[in-house]
PDB file of N, CA and C in Angstrom:
ATOM      1  N   MET A   1     -87.289 132.196  39.660  1.00  0.00           N
ATOM      2  CA  MET A   1     -86.840 130.996  39.038  1.00  0.00           C
ATOM      3  C   MET A   1     -85.396 131.143  38.542  1.00  0.00           C
ATOM      4  N   TYR A   2     -85.180 132.087  37.648  1.00  0.00           N
ATOM      5  CA  TYR A   2     -83.840 132.341  37.138  1.00  0.00           C
ATOM      6  C   TYR A   2     -83.359 133.673  37.665  1.00  0.00           C
ATOM      7  N   GLY A   3     -82.054 133.803  37.837  1.00  0.00           N
ATOM      8  CA  GLY A   3     -81.486 135.051  38.299  1.00  0.00           C
ATOM      9  C   GLY A   3     -81.481 136.086  37.183  1.00  0.00           C
ATOM     10  N   PRO A   4     -81.120 137.306  37.511  1.00  0.00           N
ATOM     11  CA  PRO A   4     -81.087 138.364  36.509  1.00  0.00           C
ATOM     12  C   PRO A   4     -79.995 138.101  35.460  1.00  0.00           C
ATOM     13  N   VAL A   5     -80.243 138.590  34.254  1.00  0.00           N
ATOM     14  CA  VAL A   5     -79.265 138.459  33.172  1.00  0.00           C
ATOM     15  C   VAL A   5     -78.130 139.439  33.441  1.00  0.00           C
ATOM     16  N   THR A   6     -76.905 138.953  33.311  1.00  0.00           N
ATOM     17  CA  THR A   6     -75.753 139.817  33.551  1.00  0.00           C
ATOM     18  C   THR A   6     -75.028 140.077  32.241  1.00  0.00           C
ATOM     19  N   ASP A   7     -74.153 141.009  32.271  1.00  0.00           N
ATOM     20  CA  ASP A   7     -73.335 141.303  31.104  1.00  0.00           C
ATOM     21  C   ASP A   7     -72.056 140.472  31.161  1.00  0.00           C
ATOM     22  N   ALA A   8     -72.208 139.176  31.184  1.00  0.00           N
ATOM     23  CA  ALA A   8     -71.047 138.280  31.231  1.00  0.00           C
ATOM     24  C   ALA A   8     -70.293 138.364  29.912  1.00  0.00           C
ATOM     25  N   PRO A   9     -68.977 138.242  29.956  1.00  0.00           N
ATOM     26  CA  PRO A   9     -68.210 138.293  28.704  1.00  0.00           C
ATOM     27  C   PRO A   9     -68.592 137.121  27.786  1.00  0.00           C
ATOM     28  N   VAL A  10     -68.638 137.402  26.511  1.00  0.00           N
ATOM     29  CA  VAL A  10     -68.970 136.383  25.523  1.00  0.00           C
ATOM     30  C   VAL A  10     -67.683 135.662  25.142  1.00  0.00           C
ATOM     31  N   MET A  11     -67.727 134.336  25.170  1.00  0.00           N
ATOM     32  CA  MET A  11     -66.548 133.564  24.793  1.00  0.00           C
ATOM     33  C   MET A  11     -66.351 133.646  23.288  1.00  0.00           C
ATOM     34  N   ASN A  12     -65.108 133.602  22.867  1.00  0.00           N
ATOM     35  CA  ASN A  12     -64.820 133.614  21.433  1.00  0.00           C
ATOM     36  C   ASN A  12     -65.487 132.438  20.764  1.00  0.00           C
ATOM     37  N   GLU A  13     -66.059 132.712  19.608  1.00  0.00           N
ATOM     38  CA  GLU A  13     -66.708 131.648  18.860  1.00  0.00           C
ATOM     39  C   GLU A  13     -65.650 130.669  18.378  1.00  0.00           C
ATOM     40  N   ALA A  14     -65.878 129.395  18.597  1.00  0.00           N
ATOM     41  CA  ALA A  14     -64.920 128.365  18.167  1.00  0.00           C
ATOM     42  C   ALA A  14     -64.913 128.271  16.649  1.00  0.00           C
ATOM     43  N   ARG A  15     -63.792 127.805  16.112  1.00  0.00           N
ATOM     44  CA  ARG A  15     -63.745 127.575  14.672  1.00  0.00           C
ATOM     45  C   ARG A  15     -64.851 126.601  14.305  1.00  0.00           C
ATOM     46  N   ARG A  16     -65.365 126.762  13.119  1.00  0.00           N
ATOM     47  CA  ARG A  16     -66.489 125.928  12.732  1.00  0.00           C
ATOM     48  C   ARG A  16     -66.171 125.163  11.450  1.00  0.00           C
ATOM     49  N   GLU A  17     -66.670 123.935  11.380  1.00  0.00           N
ATOM     50  CA  GLU A  17     -66.545 123.156  10.161  1.00  0.00           C
ATOM     51  C   GLU A  17     -67.888 123.224   9.456  1.00  0.00           C
ATOM     52  N   VAL A  18     -67.865 123.589   8.206  1.00  0.00           N
ATOM     53  CA  VAL A  18     -69.095 123.694   7.435  1.00  0.00           C
ATOM     54  C   VAL A  18     -68.926 122.910   6.145  1.00  0.00           C
ATOM     55  N   PRO A  19     -70.016 122.363   5.641  1.00  0.00           N
ATOM     56  CA  PRO A  19     -69.904 121.680   4.351  1.00  0.00           C
ATOM     57  C   PRO A  19     -69.630 122.679   3.244  1.00  0.00           C
ATOM     58  N   VAL A  20     -68.928 122.240   2.250  1.00  0.00           N
ATOM     59  CA  VAL A  20     -68.614 123.084   1.108  1.00  0.00           C
ATOM     60  C   VAL A  20     -69.529 122.667  -0.028  1.00  0.00           C
ATOM     61  N   PHE A  21     -70.203 123.598  -0.619  1.00  0.00           N
ATOM     62  CA  PHE A  21     -71.185 123.279  -1.641  1.00  0.00           C
ATOM     63  C   PHE A  21     -70.604 123.422  -3.037  1.00  0.00           C
ATOM     64  N   ARG A  22     -71.146 122.664  -3.968  1.00  0.00           N
ATOM     65  CA  ARG A  22     -70.709 122.662  -5.358  1.00  0.00           C
ATOM     66  C   ARG A  22     -70.706 124.089  -5.905  1.00  0.00           C
ATOM     67  N   GLY A  23     -69.677 124.413  -6.661  1.00  0.00           N
ATOM     68  CA  GLY A  23     -69.612 125.718  -7.288  1.00  0.00           C
ATOM     69  C   GLY A  23     -68.916 126.779  -6.460  1.00  0.00           C
ATOM     70  N   ARG A  24     -68.584 126.466  -5.236  1.00  0.00           N
ATOM     71  CA  ARG A  24     -67.933 127.435  -4.364  1.00  0.00           C
ATOM     72  C   ARG A  24     -66.426 127.225  -4.404  1.00  0.00           C
ATOM     73  N   GLN A  25     -65.675 128.274  -4.353  1.00  0.00           N
ATOM     74  CA  GLN A  25     -64.222 128.207  -4.308  1.00  0.00           C
ATOM     75  C   GLN A  25     -63.773 128.471  -2.881  1.00  0.00           C
ATOM     76  N   VAL A  26     -62.852 127.677  -2.393  1.00  0.00           N
ATOM     77  CA  VAL A  26     -62.365 127.830  -1.026  1.00  0.00           C
ATOM     78  C   VAL A  26     -60.840 127.917  -1.048  1.00  0.00           C
ATOM     79  N   THR A  27     -60.300 128.929  -0.366  1.00  0.00           N
ATOM     80  CA  THR A  27     -58.860 129.047  -0.178  1.00  0.00           C
ATOM     81  C   THR A  27     -58.599 128.919   1.315  1.00  0.00           C
ATOM     82  N   ALA A  28     -57.703 128.001   1.680  1.00  0.00           N
ATOM     83  CA  ALA A  28     -57.425 127.740   3.085  1.00  0.00           C
ATOM     84  C   ALA A  28     -55.990 127.250   3.233  1.00  0.00           C
ATOM     85  N   VAL A  29     -55.500 127.280   4.471  1.00  0.00           N
ATOM     86  CA  VAL A  29     -54.155 126.782   4.764  1.00  0.00           C
ATOM     87  C   VAL A  29     -54.269 125.480   5.550  1.00  0.00           C
ATOM     88  N   LEU A  30     -53.357 124.553   5.271  1.00  0.00           N
ATOM     89  CA  LEU A  30     -53.366 123.264   5.958  1.00  0.00           C
ATOM     90  C   LEU A  30     -53.055 123.443   7.435  1.00  0.00           C
ATOM     91  N   ASP A  31     -53.810 122.737   8.275  1.00  0.00           N
ATOM     92  CA  ASP A  31     -53.597 122.813   9.720  1.00  0.00           C
ATOM     93  C   ASP A  31     -52.398 121.984  10.175  1.00  0.00           C
ATOM     94  N   ALA A  32     -52.049 120.958   9.408  1.00  0.00           N
ATOM     95  CA  ALA A  32     -50.917 120.099   9.759  1.00  0.00           C
ATOM     96  C   ALA A  32     -50.196 119.675   8.485  1.00  0.00           C
ATOM     97  N   ALA A  33     -48.948 119.329   8.630  1.00  0.00           N
ATOM     98  CA  ALA A  33     -48.163 118.871   7.483  1.00  0.00           C
ATOM     99  C   ALA A  33     -48.651 117.499   7.019  1.00  0.00           C
ATOM    100  N   MET A  34     -48.400 117.194   5.755  1.00  0.00           N
ATOM    101  CA  MET A  34     -48.740 115.895   5.190  1.00  0.00           C
ATOM    102  C   MET A  34     -47.456 115.333   4.587  1.00  0.00           C
ATOM    103  N   SER A  35     -46.989 114.204   5.117  1.00  0.00           N
ATOM    104  CA  SER A  35     -45.714 113.643   4.680  1.00  0.00           C
ATOM    105  C   SER A  35     -45.843 112.945   3.333  1.00  0.00           C
ATOM    106  N   ASP A  36     -44.711 112.550   2.781  1.00  0.00           N
ATOM    107  CA  ASP A  36     -44.736 111.846   1.511  1.00  0.00           C
ATOM    108  C   ASP A  36     -45.153 110.386   1.685  1.00  0.00           C
ATOM    109  N   GLU A  37     -45.515 109.999   2.905  1.00  0.00           N
ATOM    110  CA  GLU A  37     -46.033 108.663   3.184  1.00  0.00           C
ATOM    111  C   GLU A  37     -47.553 108.657   3.306  1.00  0.00           C
ATOM    112  N   ALA A  38     -48.216 109.719   2.879  1.00  0.00           N
ATOM    113  CA  ALA A  38     -49.680 109.789   2.928  1.00  0.00           C
ATOM    114  C   ALA A  38     -50.279 108.703   2.037  1.00  0.00           C
ATOM    115  N   CYS A  39     -51.496 108.297   2.365  1.00  0.00           N
ATOM    116  CA  CYS A  39     -52.197 107.249   1.616  1.00  0.00           C
ATOM    117  C   CYS A  39     -53.580 107.740   1.211  1.00  0.00           C
ATOM    118  N   ILE A  40     -54.161 107.072   0.223  1.00  0.00           N
ATOM    119  CA  ILE A  40     -55.542 107.377  -0.155  1.00  0.00           C
ATOM    120  C   ILE A  40     -56.427 107.144   1.063  1.00  0.00           C
ATOM    121  N   GLY A  41     -57.292 108.088   1.340  1.00  0.00           N
ATOM    122  CA  GLY A  41     -58.187 108.006   2.488  1.00  0.00           C
ATOM    123  C   GLY A  41     -57.705 108.759   3.706  1.00  0.00           C
ATOM    124  N   ASP A  42     -56.425 109.166   3.733  1.00  0.00           N
ATOM    125  CA  ASP A  42     -55.925 109.947   4.866  1.00  0.00           C
ATOM    126  C   ASP A  42     -56.670 111.274   4.939  1.00  0.00           C
ATOM    127  N   GLY A  43     -57.027 111.669   6.141  1.00  0.00           N
ATOM    128  CA  GLY A  43     -57.759 112.910   6.336  1.00  0.00           C
ATOM    129  C   GLY A  43     -56.846 114.099   6.566  1.00  0.00           C
ATOM    130  N   PHE A  44     -57.399 115.284   6.359  1.00  0.00           N
ATOM    131  CA  PHE A  44     -56.683 116.533   6.633  1.00  0.00           C
ATOM    132  C   PHE A  44     -57.716 117.584   6.990  1.00  0.00           C
ATOM    133  N   SER A  45     -57.253 118.665   7.578  1.00  0.00           N
ATOM    134  CA  SER A  45     -58.116 119.821   7.821  1.00  0.00           C
ATOM    135  C   SER A  45     -57.356 121.074   7.418  1.00  0.00           C
ATOM    136  N   ALA A  46     -58.115 122.097   7.076  1.00  0.00           N
ATOM    137  CA  ALA A  46     -57.533 123.373   6.667  1.00  0.00           C
ATOM    138  C   ALA A  46     -58.419 124.491   7.194  1.00  0.00           C
ATOM    139  N   THR A  47     -57.838 125.664   7.355  1.00  0.00           N
ATOM    140  CA  THR A  47     -58.571 126.803   7.901  1.00  0.00           C
ATOM    141  C   THR A  47     -58.499 127.974   6.929  1.00  0.00           C
ATOM    142  N   ALA A  48     -59.673 128.537   6.602  1.00  0.00           N
ATOM    143  CA  ALA A  48     -59.756 129.700   5.720  1.00  0.00           C
ATOM    144  C   ALA A  48     -59.446 130.966   6.520  1.00  0.00           C
ATOM    145  N   ALA A  49     -59.237 132.063   5.831  1.00  0.00           N
ATOM    146  CA  ALA A  49     -58.884 133.328   6.474  1.00  0.00           C
ATOM    147  C   ALA A  49     -59.949 133.802   7.457  1.00  0.00           C
ATOM    148  N   ASP A  50     -61.234 133.465   7.196  1.00  0.00           N
ATOM    149  CA  ASP A  50     -62.313 133.899   8.097  1.00  0.00           C
ATOM    150  C   ASP A  50     -62.502 132.968   9.285  1.00  0.00           C
ATOM    151  N   GLY A  51     -61.622 131.931   9.420  1.00  0.00           N
ATOM    152  CA  GLY A  51     -61.701 131.011  10.547  1.00  0.00           C
ATOM    153  C   GLY A  51     -62.518 129.762  10.277  1.00  0.00           C
ATOM    154  N   THR A  52     -63.145 129.679   9.123  1.00  0.00           N
ATOM    155  CA  THR A  52     -63.921 128.500   8.779  1.00  0.00           C
ATOM    156  C   THR A  52     -62.981 127.322   8.556  1.00  0.00           C
ATOM    157  N   ARG A  53     -63.289 126.193   9.188  1.00  0.00           N
ATOM    158  CA  ARG A  53     -62.479 124.990   8.999  1.00  0.00           C
ATOM    159  C   ARG A  53     -63.166 124.075   8.014  1.00  0.00           C
ATOM    160  N   VAL A  54     -62.360 123.493   7.145  1.00  0.00           N
ATOM    161  CA  VAL A  54     -62.851 122.490   6.205  1.00  0.00           C
ATOM    162  C   VAL A  54     -62.033 121.220   6.421  1.00  0.00           C
ATOM    163  N   ALA A  55     -62.638 120.099   6.108  1.00  0.00           N
ATOM    164  CA  ALA A  55     -61.964 118.817   6.255  1.00  0.00           C
ATOM    165  C   ALA A  55     -62.060 118.066   4.941  1.00  0.00           C
ATOM    166  N   GLY A  56     -61.136 117.161   4.726  1.00  0.00           N
ATOM    167  CA  GLY A  56     -61.169 116.385   3.501  1.00  0.00           C
ATOM    168  C   GLY A  56     -60.295 115.157   3.600  1.00  0.00           C
ATOM    169  N   ARG A  57     -60.136 114.494   2.468  1.00  0.00           N
ATOM    170  CA  ARG A  57     -59.352 113.262   2.400  1.00  0.00           C
ATOM    171  C   ARG A  57     -58.537 113.243   1.116  1.00  0.00           C
ATOM    172  N   VAL A  58     -57.453 112.472   1.143  1.00  0.00           N
ATOM    173  CA  VAL A  58     -56.692 112.209  -0.076  1.00  0.00           C
ATOM    174  C   VAL A  58     -57.551 111.278  -0.917  1.00  0.00           C
ATOM    175  N   SER A  59     -57.921 111.717  -2.114  1.00  0.00           N
ATOM    176  CA  SER A  59     -58.840 110.927  -2.935  1.00  0.00           C
ATOM    177  C   SER A  59     -58.157 110.156  -4.054  1.00  0.00           C
ATOM    178  N   GLU A  60     -57.027 110.626  -4.529  1.00  0.00           N
ATOM    179  CA  GLU A  60     -56.295 109.964  -5.617  1.00  0.00           C
ATOM    180  C   GLU A  60     -54.806 110.180  -5.395  1.00  0.00           C
ATOM    181  N   MET A  61     -54.022 109.240  -5.906  1.00  0.00           N
ATOM    182  CA  MET A  61     -52.562 109.374  -5.866  1.00  0.00           C
ATOM    183  C   MET A  61     -51.994 108.828  -7.167  1.00  0.00           C
ATOM    184  N   ARG A  62     -50.923 109.465  -7.640  1.00  0.00           N
ATOM    185  CA  ARG A  62     -50.237 108.945  -8.816  1.00  0.00           C
ATOM    186  C   ARG A  62     -48.764 109.332  -8.729  1.00  0.00           C
ATOM    187  N   ARG A  63     -47.937 108.476  -9.304  1.00  0.00           N
ATOM    188  CA  ARG A  63     -46.485 108.687  -9.275  1.00  0.00           C
ATOM    189  C   ARG A  63     -46.081 109.342 -10.589  1.00  0.00           C
ATOM    190  N   VAL A  64     -45.461 110.516 -10.516  1.00  0.00           N
ATOM    191  CA  VAL A  64     -45.024 111.237 -11.700  1.00  0.00           C
ATOM    192  C   VAL A  64     -43.580 111.679 -11.494  1.00  0.00           C
ATOM    193  N   ARG A  65     -42.690 111.197 -12.357  1.00  0.00           N
ATOM    194  CA  ARG A  65     -41.275 111.579 -12.304  1.00  0.00           C
ATOM    195  C   ARG A  65     -40.673 111.442 -10.908  1.00  0.00           C
ATOM    196  N   GLY A  66     -40.977 110.351 -10.257  1.00  0.00           N
ATOM    197  CA  GLY A  66     -40.396 110.070  -8.952  1.00  0.00           C
ATOM    198  C   GLY A  66     -41.043 110.773  -7.775  1.00  0.00           C
ATOM    199  N   ARG A  67     -42.138 111.499  -7.986  1.00  0.00           N
ATOM    200  CA  ARG A  67     -42.841 112.200  -6.893  1.00  0.00           C
ATOM    201  C   ARG A  67     -44.287 111.744  -6.850  1.00  0.00           C
ATOM    202  N   TRP A  68     -44.873 111.781  -5.670  1.00  0.00           N
ATOM    203  CA  TRP A  68     -46.282 111.468  -5.526  1.00  0.00           C
ATOM    204  C   TRP A  68     -47.101 112.745  -5.683  1.00  0.00           C
ATOM    205  N   LEU A  69     -48.088 112.701  -6.567  1.00  0.00           N
ATOM    206  CA  LEU A  69     -49.070 113.775  -6.699  1.00  0.00           C
ATOM    207  C   LEU A  69     -50.378 113.263  -6.116  1.00  0.00           C
ATOM    208  N   VAL A  70     -51.036 114.097  -5.326  1.00  0.00           N
ATOM    209  CA  VAL A  70     -52.292 113.697  -4.694  1.00  0.00           C
ATOM    210  C   VAL A  70     -53.393 114.670  -5.071  1.00  0.00           C
ATOM    211  N   ASP A  71     -54.613 114.163  -5.040  1.00  0.00           N
ATOM    212  CA  ASP A  71     -55.806 114.994  -5.169  1.00  0.00           C
ATOM    213  C   ASP A  71     -56.437 115.074  -3.791  1.00  0.00           C
ATOM    214  N   LEU A  72     -56.763 116.272  -3.344  1.00  0.00           N
ATOM    215  CA  LEU A  72     -57.347 116.499  -2.027  1.00  0.00           C
ATOM    216  C   LEU A  72     -58.801 116.912  -2.196  1.00  0.00           C
ATOM    217  N   ALA A  73     -59.719 116.043  -1.772  1.00  0.00           N
ATOM    218  CA  ALA A  73     -61.158 116.303  -1.912  1.00  0.00           C
ATOM    219  C   ALA A  73     -61.725 116.777  -0.586  1.00  0.00           C
ATOM    220  N   LEU A  74     -62.519 117.848  -0.634  1.00  0.00           N
ATOM    221  CA  LEU A  74     -63.177 118.347   0.571  1.00  0.00           C
ATOM    222  C   LEU A  74     -64.444 117.547   0.833  1.00  0.00           C
ATOM    223  N   GLU A  75     -64.709 117.296   2.109  1.00  0.00           N
ATOM    224  CA  GLU A  75     -65.931 116.594   2.496  1.00  0.00           C
ATOM    225  C   GLU A  75     -67.110 117.541   2.377  1.00  0.00           C
ATOM    226  N   GLY A  76     -68.256 117.003   2.014  1.00  0.00           N
ATOM    227  CA  GLY A  76     -69.469 117.794   1.934  1.00  0.00           C
ATOM    228  C   GLY A  76     -69.655 118.504   0.615  1.00  0.00           C
ATOM    229  N   GLY A  77     -68.851 118.223  -0.363  1.00  0.00           N
ATOM    230  CA  GLY A  77     -68.999 118.896  -1.644  1.00  0.00           C
ATOM    231  C   GLY A  77     -68.178 118.234  -2.721  1.00  0.00           C
ATOM    232  N   ALA A  78     -68.208 118.819  -3.874  1.00  0.00           N
ATOM    233  CA  ALA A  78     -67.514 118.247  -5.030  1.00  0.00           C
ATOM    234  C   ALA A  78     -66.211 118.987  -5.341  1.00  0.00           C
ATOM    235  N   LEU A  79     -65.690 119.728  -4.390  1.00  0.00           N
ATOM    236  CA  LEU A  79     -64.473 120.499  -4.641  1.00  0.00           C
ATOM    237  C   LEU A  79     -63.235 119.646  -4.426  1.00  0.00           C
ATOM    238  N   VAL A  80     -62.315 119.690  -5.384  1.00  0.00           N
ATOM    239  CA  VAL A  80     -61.095 118.895  -5.325  1.00  0.00           C
ATOM    240  C   VAL A  80     -59.925 119.778  -5.731  1.00  0.00           C
ATOM    241  N   ARG A  81     -58.816 119.631  -5.029  1.00  0.00           N
ATOM    242  CA  ARG A  81     -57.556 120.280  -5.417  1.00  0.00           C
ATOM    243  C   ARG A  81     -56.717 119.180  -6.028  1.00  0.00           C
ATOM    244  N   ARG A  82     -56.425 119.267  -7.306  1.00  0.00           N
ATOM    245  CA  ARG A  82     -55.757 118.198  -8.041  1.00  0.00           C
ATOM    246  C   ARG A  82     -54.262 118.441  -8.196  1.00  0.00           C
ATOM    247  N   GLY A  83     -53.503 117.341  -8.182  1.00  0.00           N
ATOM    248  CA  GLY A  83     -52.094 117.371  -8.540  1.00  0.00           C
ATOM    249  C   GLY A  83     -51.179 118.130  -7.617  1.00  0.00           C
ATOM    250  N   VAL A  84     -51.298 117.920  -6.317  1.00  0.00           N
ATOM    251  CA  VAL A  84     -50.421 118.568  -5.352  1.00  0.00           C
ATOM    252  C   VAL A  84     -49.299 117.590  -5.010  1.00  0.00           C
ATOM    253  N   ALA A  85     -48.048 118.027  -5.120  1.00  0.00           N
ATOM    254  CA  ALA A  85     -46.901 117.160  -4.857  1.00  0.00           C
ATOM    255  C   ALA A  85     -46.648 117.033  -3.355  1.00  0.00           C
ATOM    256  N   LEU A  86     -46.448 115.801  -2.898  1.00  0.00           N
ATOM    257  CA  LEU A  86     -46.090 115.549  -1.508  1.00  0.00           C
ATOM    258  C   LEU A  86     -44.594 115.741  -1.327  1.00  0.00           C
ATOM    259  N   PRO A  87     -44.124 116.102  -0.149  1.00  0.00           N
ATOM    260  CA  PRO A  87     -44.859 116.403   1.075  1.00  0.00           C
ATOM    261  C   PRO A  87     -45.430 117.822   1.059  1.00  0.00           C
ATOM    262  N   LEU A  88     -46.428 118.041   1.913  1.00  0.00           N
ATOM    263  CA  LEU A  88     -47.073 119.357   2.048  1.00  0.00           C
ATOM    264  C   LEU A  88     -46.781 119.891   3.444  1.00  0.00           C
ATOM    265  N   GLY A  89     -46.341 121.115   3.534  1.00  0.00           N
ATOM    266  CA  GLY A  89     -46.006 121.705   4.822  1.00  0.00           C
ATOM    267  C   GLY A  89     -47.209 122.299   5.533  1.00  0.00           C
ATOM    268  N   GLN A  90     -47.125 122.342   6.854  1.00  0.00           N
ATOM    269  CA  GLN A  90     -48.166 122.991   7.644  1.00  0.00           C
ATOM    270  C   GLN A  90     -48.243 124.451   7.231  1.00  0.00           C
ATOM    271  N   GLY A  91     -49.451 124.968   7.059  1.00  0.00           N
ATOM    272  CA  GLY A  91     -49.630 126.357   6.677  1.00  0.00           C
ATOM    273  C   GLY A  91     -49.603 126.593   5.180  1.00  0.00           C
ATOM    274  N   MET A  92     -49.457 125.524   4.391  1.00  0.00           N
ATOM    275  CA  MET A  92     -49.465 125.677   2.928  1.00  0.00           C
ATOM    276  C   MET A  92     -50.844 126.144   2.473  1.00  0.00           C
ATOM    277  N   LYS A  93     -50.857 127.190   1.650  1.00  0.00           N
ATOM    278  CA  LYS A  93     -52.110 127.772   1.180  1.00  0.00           C
ATOM    279  C   LYS A  93     -52.545 127.062  -0.102  1.00  0.00           C
ATOM    280  N   LEU A  94     -53.787 126.553  -0.109  1.00  0.00           N
ATOM    281  CA  LEU A  94     -54.333 125.836  -1.252  1.00  0.00           C
ATOM    282  C   LEU A  94     -55.697 126.396  -1.619  1.00  0.00           C
ATOM    283  N   THR A  95     -56.075 126.280  -2.886  1.00  0.00           N
ATOM    284  CA  THR A  95     -57.394 126.691  -3.343  1.00  0.00           C
ATOM    285  C   THR A  95     -58.097 125.485  -3.947  1.00  0.00           C
ATOM    286  N   TRP A  96     -59.318 125.255  -3.486  1.00  0.00           N
ATOM    287  CA  TRP A  96     -60.154 124.188  -4.033  1.00  0.00           C
ATOM    288  C   TRP A  96     -61.215 124.819  -4.905  1.00  0.00           C
ATOM    289  N   LYS A  97     -61.447 124.221  -6.087  1.00  0.00           N
ATOM    290  CA  LYS A  97     -62.453 124.732  -7.023  1.00  0.00           C
ATOM    291  C   LYS A  97     -63.383 123.623  -7.437  1.00  0.00           C
TER     292      LYS A  97
END
């Protein structure tokens, strides 16, 4: 029915998106830059050192001293990074608590 099992090379495991649970701290770098024209609801993704990908959205915005500060909320949990000034560069390292 089936042929013999071979020692075929294993493909690299793709990056994975996992939900972030309450109480967990995540440190990751942004996959793409976020301009100062970002809006509430805009999505983003970030990658942790172990290759885990997380996704989130801009949840709040406020104008302080001529700059926009945003709160970045991760999907699947209650973790938020508060008060980040726009623009954000690709590869910027952030910690969500």
